[in-house]
Amino acid sequence: MSIYFGCPVWSFKGWVGNFYPKGTKSTDFLREYAGRLTTIEGNTTFYAVPAIKTIASWIEQTPEAFRFCPKIPKAISHNGKLLDYADRALQFVDVMRPLASRLGPMFLQLPPSYSPRLMDDLTKFLEVWPREIRLGVEVRHLDWFDAPHRDSLNQLLVNFNMARVVIDTRPIRTLAGDASIAGSSYESLLEARERKPDVPVFLERTADFIFLRFIGHPELSQNFPVMDEWVKYLVEEMNLGSSAFVFCHSPDNLIAPEICREFHRRIASKINIPPLPWDEIKPSSFEQGALF
């Protein structure tokens, strides 16, 4: 049983002075990030496969307990049938293998066009995927969330011990007074709504780990009702032996680390989990108001 918290990026200028100490240089972002959170949703690999020397630097800059969760490149996941790119996927796995114990679950995000009609293609792709490499699968075509496709996909993932990735955008969709944020610091929220998929959320586990992508509202307290629902579920599943990877986003990423920290605080109040490394770091430059 273990739980990891992270964000989609580690390099964000707006974190300097609150999440990162003042004066932190861009070349030190990863080292500082790994000193505060415990995993990273590797979105950069979606666009480009990193060089060997880059992966070596990731290893050098992170502690043993840190976990990288690389996103499978878009050239594989968004180019039609997955099986046509199985060889390239295996090559990508080989590139990531040097991460060794730092390699968390990889992450296959399928486009909205990838429907249950391609179930056979997905099955064959998962059959050739290395069983020792954990994988989370995120679907976005809405038919995957209805019977019988929902159950069929869940059973397929259970068979391979792969997680059904959950993207929860409810905090940026179920808010009162949205019209009032136009022109304010919350204006990016409306744009984020259009970019993020509005798919149903089911609290279902198909593997021995959970992979949650939580898209939070930039006002921290607005996240609490949905967050508490997840806290209850995560605690129940962890008590059954599951591990969890929780990745927190926000429309402009500014408050994403603070969402992670609040998630951790609420779970830690109900179950014995290690403290975040960040809990022991109290930079004098941190000011809650600076997040907004």
Protein backbone atom coordinates (compact mmCIF):
# COMPACT_ATOMS: atom_id res chain seq x y z
CA MET A 1 0.00 0.00 0.00
CA SER A 2 1.45 3.35 -1.06
CA ILE A 3 0.25 6.66 -2.46
CA TYR A 4 2.04 9.15 -4.66
CA PHE A 5 1.12 12.77 -5.37
CA GLY A 6 2.23 14.86 -8.31
CA CYS A 7 1.40 17.37 -11.02
CA PRO A 8 1.54 17.26 -14.84
CA VAL A 9 4.70 19.38 -14.94
CA TRP A 10 7.61 20.33 -12.71
CA SER A 11 8.68 23.45 -14.58
CA PHE A 12 6.32 26.35 -13.92
CA LYS A 13 7.56 29.89 -13.38
CA GLY A 14 4.59 30.82 -11.20
CA TRP A 15 5.66 28.36 -8.50
CA VAL A 16 8.83 30.30 -7.70
CA GLY A 17 8.24 32.12 -4.45
CA ASN A 18 5.59 29.75 -3.10
CA PHE A 19 6.05 26.12 -4.17
CA TYR A 20 9.72 26.73 -5.01
CA PRO A 21 11.87 29.05 -2.88
CA LYS A 22 12.60 32.47 -4.33
CA GLY A 23 15.59 32.43 -6.62
CA THR A 24 15.12 28.85 -7.83
CA LYS A 25 16.57 28.46 -11.33
CA SER A 26 14.88 26.51 -14.11
CA THR A 27 17.76 24.03 -14.10
CA ASP A 28 16.91 23.19 -10.49
CA PHE A 29 13.15 22.76 -10.95
CA LEU A 30 13.19 18.96 -11.11
CA ARG A 31 15.44 18.61 -8.07
CA GLU A 32 13.21 21.00 -6.10
CA TYR A 33 10.03 19.30 -7.34
CA ALA A 34 11.21 15.87 -6.26
CA GLY A 35 11.99 17.36 -2.87
CA ARG A 36 8.34 18.33 -2.41
CA LEU A 37 6.12 15.81 -4.21
CA THR A 38 6.62 12.13 -5.00
CA THR A 39 5.66 11.55 -8.63
CA ILE A 40 5.25 13.31 -11.98
CA GLU A 41 2.71 12.80 -14.73
CA GLY A 42 5.17 12.80 -17.61
CA ASN A 43 3.27 14.77 -20.23
CA THR A 44 6.48 15.80 -22.01
CA THR A 45 6.90 12.28 -23.40
CA PHE A 46 3.55 12.66 -25.17
CA TYR A 47 5.24 15.07 -27.57
CA ALA A 48 8.84 13.82 -27.71
CA VAL A 49 10.82 10.81 -26.57
CA PRO A 50 13.55 11.98 -24.19
CA ALA A 51 17.21 11.43 -24.89
CA ILE A 52 19.20 8.91 -22.88
CA LYS A 53 21.13 11.72 -21.18
CA THR A 54 17.86 13.36 -20.17
CA ILE A 55 16.66 10.20 -18.45
CA ALA A 56 20.05 9.92 -16.74
CA SER A 57 19.58 13.44 -15.38
CA TRP A 58 16.11 12.53 -14.07
CA ILE A 59 17.63 9.65 -12.15
CA GLU A 60 20.45 11.81 -10.81
CA GLN A 61 18.09 14.54 -9.60
CA THR A 62 15.46 12.42 -7.86
CA PRO A 63 15.38 10.27 -4.73
CA GLU A 64 14.86 6.50 -4.93
CA ALA A 65 11.24 6.80 -3.80
CA PHE A 66 10.26 9.19 -6.61
CA ARG A 67 8.14 7.81 -9.48
CA PHE A 68 7.95 8.92 -13.12
CA CYS A 69 4.72 8.06 -14.98
CA PRO A 70 5.52 8.67 -18.67
CA LYS A 71 2.73 9.33 -21.11
CA ILE A 72 2.92 7.17 -24.23
CA PRO A 73 3.82 9.34 -27.24
CA LYS A 74 1.04 10.86 -29.29
CA ALA A 75 2.57 9.30 -32.41
CA ILE A 76 1.54 5.92 -30.99
CA SER A 77 -1.74 6.67 -29.24
CA HIS A 78 -3.32 9.14 -31.66
CA ASN A 79 -2.50 7.66 -35.07
CA GLY A 80 -5.31 5.17 -35.65
CA LYS A 81 -4.92 1.54 -34.62
CA LEU A 82 -2.59 0.91 -31.70
CA LEU A 83 -1.38 -2.44 -32.97
CA ASP A 84 0.14 -0.74 -35.99
CA TYR A 85 2.50 1.03 -33.60
CA ALA A 86 3.16 -1.79 -31.15
CA ASP A 87 6.84 -2.00 -32.12
CA ARG A 88 7.27 1.70 -31.51
CA ALA A 89 5.53 1.35 -28.16
CA LEU A 90 7.94 -1.40 -27.13
CA GLN A 91 10.85 0.80 -28.20
CA PHE A 92 9.47 3.56 -25.99
CA VAL A 93 9.29 1.13 -23.06
CA ASP A 94 12.93 0.23 -23.63
CA VAL A 95 13.89 3.91 -23.56
CA MET A 96 12.17 4.26 -20.18
CA ARG A 97 13.58 1.08 -18.62
CA PRO A 98 16.71 2.79 -17.23
CA LEU A 99 14.41 4.56 -14.75
CA ALA A 100 14.23 1.13 -13.07
CA SER A 101 12.61 1.48 -9.64
CA ARG A 102 11.70 5.09 -10.40
CA LEU A 103 9.43 3.99 -13.26
CA GLY A 104 5.82 4.19 -12.16
CA PRO A 105 2.83 3.20 -14.30
CA MET A 106 2.96 4.39 -17.87
CA PHE A 107 -0.07 6.19 -19.19
CA LEU A 108 -1.92 5.51 -22.46
CA GLN A 109 -4.34 8.33 -23.29
CA LEU A 110 -6.63 7.45 -26.20
CA PRO A 111 -8.29 10.15 -28.32
CA PRO A 112 -12.08 10.72 -28.42
CA SER A 113 -12.13 9.07 -31.85
CA TYR A 114 -10.93 5.75 -30.37
CA SER A 115 -14.27 4.03 -29.79
CA PRO A 116 -15.31 0.56 -28.61
CA ARG A 117 -15.29 -0.49 -32.27
CA LEU A 118 -11.55 -0.81 -31.73
CA MET A 119 -11.83 -3.10 -28.74
CA ASP A 120 -10.09 -5.91 -30.61
CA ASP A 121 -7.22 -3.59 -31.51
CA LEU A 122 -6.86 -2.49 -27.88
CA THR A 123 -6.92 -6.11 -26.71
CA LYS A 124 -4.18 -7.15 -29.11
CA PHE A 125 -2.07 -4.14 -28.17
CA LEU A 126 -2.34 -4.95 -24.46
CA GLU A 127 -1.44 -8.57 -25.20
CA VAL A 128 1.96 -7.52 -26.55
CA TRP A 129 2.57 -4.94 -23.83
CA PRO A 130 5.26 -6.12 -21.36
CA ARG A 131 3.45 -7.53 -18.34
CA GLU A 132 6.12 -6.26 -15.94
CA ILE A 133 5.48 -2.64 -16.99
CA ARG A 134 2.43 -1.20 -15.29
CA LEU A 135 0.02 0.70 -17.53
CA GLY A 136 -2.95 3.00 -17.07
CA VAL A 137 -5.44 3.41 -19.92
CA GLU A 138 -7.57 6.53 -20.35
CA VAL A 139 -10.48 6.42 -22.81
CA ARG A 140 -12.44 9.47 -23.92
CA HIS A 141 -15.03 8.23 -26.40
CA LEU A 142 -18.30 8.38 -24.43
CA ASP A 143 -19.45 4.91 -25.52
CA TRP A 144 -16.75 3.41 -23.29
CA PHE A 145 -18.71 4.66 -20.29
CA ASP A 146 -21.97 2.91 -21.18
CA ALA A 147 -23.00 -0.74 -21.00
CA PRO A 148 -21.83 -3.13 -22.29
CA HIS A 149 -18.57 -1.41 -23.26
CA ARG A 150 -17.82 -0.10 -19.78
CA ASP A 151 -17.89 -3.57 -18.27
CA SER A 152 -16.01 -5.12 -21.19
CA LEU A 153 -13.18 -2.61 -20.91
CA ASN A 154 -13.03 -3.00 -17.14
CA GLN A 155 -12.76 -6.77 -17.45
CA LEU A 156 -10.06 -6.47 -20.11
CA LEU A 157 -8.01 -4.24 -17.81
CA VAL A 158 -8.59 -6.54 -14.84
CA ASN A 159 -7.23 -9.43 -16.93
CA PHE A 160 -3.99 -7.51 -17.51
CA ASN A 161 -3.84 -5.79 -14.09
CA MET A 162 -3.97 -2.39 -15.78
CA ALA A 163 -5.66 0.68 -14.35
CA ARG A 164 -8.58 2.47 -15.93
CA VAL A 165 -7.35 6.05 -15.67
CA VAL A 166 -9.93 8.42 -14.22
CA ILE A 167 -9.95 12.07 -15.25
CA ASP A 168 -12.20 14.02 -12.92
CA THR A 169 -13.09 17.49 -14.19
CA ARG A 170 -16.09 18.01 -11.93
CA PRO A 171 -14.47 20.78 -9.86
CA ILE A 172 -14.31 22.99 -12.96
CA ARG A 173 -17.80 22.09 -14.18
CA THR A 174 -20.16 22.07 -11.22
CA LEU A 175 -19.62 25.56 -9.90
CA ALA A 176 -22.10 28.29 -9.07
CA GLY A 177 -21.76 31.75 -10.57
CA ASP A 178 -19.45 30.89 -13.43
CA ALA A 179 -20.49 33.97 -15.39
CA SER A 180 -19.06 36.18 -12.67
CA ILE A 181 -15.49 35.02 -13.28
CA ALA A 182 -15.22 36.55 -16.76
CA GLY A 183 -12.45 39.10 -16.75
CA SER A 184 -11.13 37.96 -13.39
CA SER A 185 -8.22 35.77 -12.39
CA TYR A 186 -10.54 32.80 -12.90
CA GLU A 187 -11.13 33.48 -16.57
CA SER A 188 -8.81 30.64 -17.59
CA LEU A 189 -11.27 28.28 -15.93
CA LEU A 190 -13.77 28.77 -18.75
CA GLU A 191 -11.11 27.98 -21.33
CA ALA A 192 -10.01 24.91 -19.38
CA ARG A 193 -13.56 23.58 -19.49
CA GLU A 194 -13.45 23.49 -23.24
CA ARG A 195 -10.08 21.72 -23.35
CA LYS A 196 -10.77 19.01 -20.77
CA PRO A 197 -13.01 16.02 -21.56
CA ASP A 198 -16.36 15.94 -19.81
CA VAL A 199 -16.66 12.21 -19.20
CA PRO A 200 -18.46 10.27 -16.45
CA VAL A 201 -16.55 9.47 -13.28
CA PHE A 202 -16.75 5.95 -11.88
CA LEU A 203 -14.91 4.92 -8.76
CA GLU A 204 -13.84 1.50 -9.99
CA ARG A 205 -10.51 -0.28 -9.60
CA THR A 206 -9.25 -2.68 -12.29
CA ALA A 207 -5.67 -3.16 -11.06
CA ASP A 208 -3.63 -3.20 -7.89
CA PHE A 209 -3.15 0.55 -8.32
CA ILE A 210 -5.36 3.57 -8.96
CA PHE A 211 -4.48 6.31 -11.45
CA LEU A 212 -6.39 9.55 -10.83
CA ARG A 213 -6.11 12.80 -12.79
CA PHE A 214 -7.89 15.46 -10.73
CA ILE A 215 -8.61 18.74 -12.54
CA GLY A 216 -9.03 21.23 -9.73
CA HIS A 217 -10.58 24.65 -9.45
CA PRO A 218 -8.10 27.50 -8.84
CA GLU A 219 -9.91 28.41 -5.61
CA LEU A 220 -8.80 25.61 -3.31
CA SER A 221 -11.99 25.34 -1.23
CA GLN A 222 -14.11 24.75 -4.34
CA ASN A 223 -12.41 21.36 -4.69
CA PHE A 224 -13.27 20.04 -1.25
CA PRO A 225 -16.63 18.29 -1.95
CA VAL A 226 -15.25 16.22 -4.85
CA MET A 227 -11.92 15.76 -3.10
CA ASP A 228 -13.63 14.31 -0.03
CA GLU A 229 -15.43 11.77 -2.21
CA TRP A 230 -12.07 10.64 -3.55
CA VAL A 231 -10.45 10.62 -0.12
CA LYS A 232 -13.08 8.22 1.17
CA TYR A 233 -12.66 5.92 -1.81
CA LEU A 234 -8.86 6.01 -1.82
CA VAL A 235 -8.67 5.23 1.88
CA GLU A 236 -11.02 2.27 1.44
CA GLU A 237 -9.02 0.89 -1.48
CA MET A 238 -5.67 1.44 0.20
CA ASN A 239 -6.92 -0.46 3.22
CA LEU A 240 -7.51 -3.33 0.79
CA GLY A 241 -3.90 -3.18 -0.37
CA SER A 242 -4.12 -0.91 -3.40
CA SER A 243 -1.57 1.75 -4.30
CA ALA A 244 -2.58 5.09 -5.79
CA PHE A 245 -1.12 7.73 -8.07
CA VAL A 246 -2.90 11.08 -7.74
CA PHE A 247 -2.08 13.82 -10.23
CA CYS A 248 -3.48 17.26 -9.55
CA HIS A 249 -4.05 19.83 -12.27
CA SER A 250 -5.49 23.33 -12.23
CA PRO A 251 -6.37 25.57 -15.18
CA ASP A 252 -3.10 27.48 -15.04
CA ASN A 253 -1.13 24.99 -12.87
CA LEU A 254 -0.53 27.67 -10.24
CA ILE A 255 -2.37 25.96 -7.41
CA ALA A 256 -1.81 22.34 -8.51
CA PRO A 257 0.85 21.62 -5.84
CA GLU A 258 -1.40 23.02 -3.13
CA ILE A 259 -4.23 20.74 -4.29
CA CYS A 260 -1.81 17.81 -3.92
CA ARG A 261 -0.90 18.92 -0.44
CA GLU A 262 -4.54 19.25 0.62
CA PHE A 263 -5.34 15.83 -0.82
CA HIS A 264 -2.48 14.35 1.17
CA ARG A 265 -3.50 16.13 4.38
CA ARG A 266 -7.04 14.77 4.19
CA ILE A 267 -5.94 11.22 3.46
CA ALA A 268 -3.28 11.34 6.17
CA SER A 269 -5.96 12.26 8.69
CA LYS A 270 -7.66 8.91 8.04
CA ILE A 271 -4.87 6.45 7.29
CA ASN A 272 -1.20 6.18 8.17
CA ILE A 273 0.82 7.33 5.14
CA PRO A 274 4.30 8.88 4.96
CA PRO A 275 4.44 12.68 5.11
CA LEU A 276 5.05 14.57 1.92
CA PRO A 277 8.67 15.73 1.70
CA TRP A 278 7.18 19.21 1.26
CA ASP A 279 5.72 19.05 4.78
CA GLU A 280 9.20 19.43 6.19
CA ILE A 281 10.04 22.35 3.92
CA LYS A 282 8.70 25.70 5.09
CA PRO A 283 10.23 28.41 2.94
CA SER A 284 9.79 31.84 4.49
CA SER A 285 8.83 33.16 1.07
CA PHE A 286 5.63 31.10 0.89
CA GLU A 287 2.45 33.12 1.06
CA GLN A 288 -0.97 31.56 0.55
CA GLY A 289 -2.28 34.71 -1.05
CA ALA A 290 0.37 34.52 -3.76
CA LEU A 291 -1.38 31.48 -5.19
CA PHE A 292 -4.30 33.60 -6.27
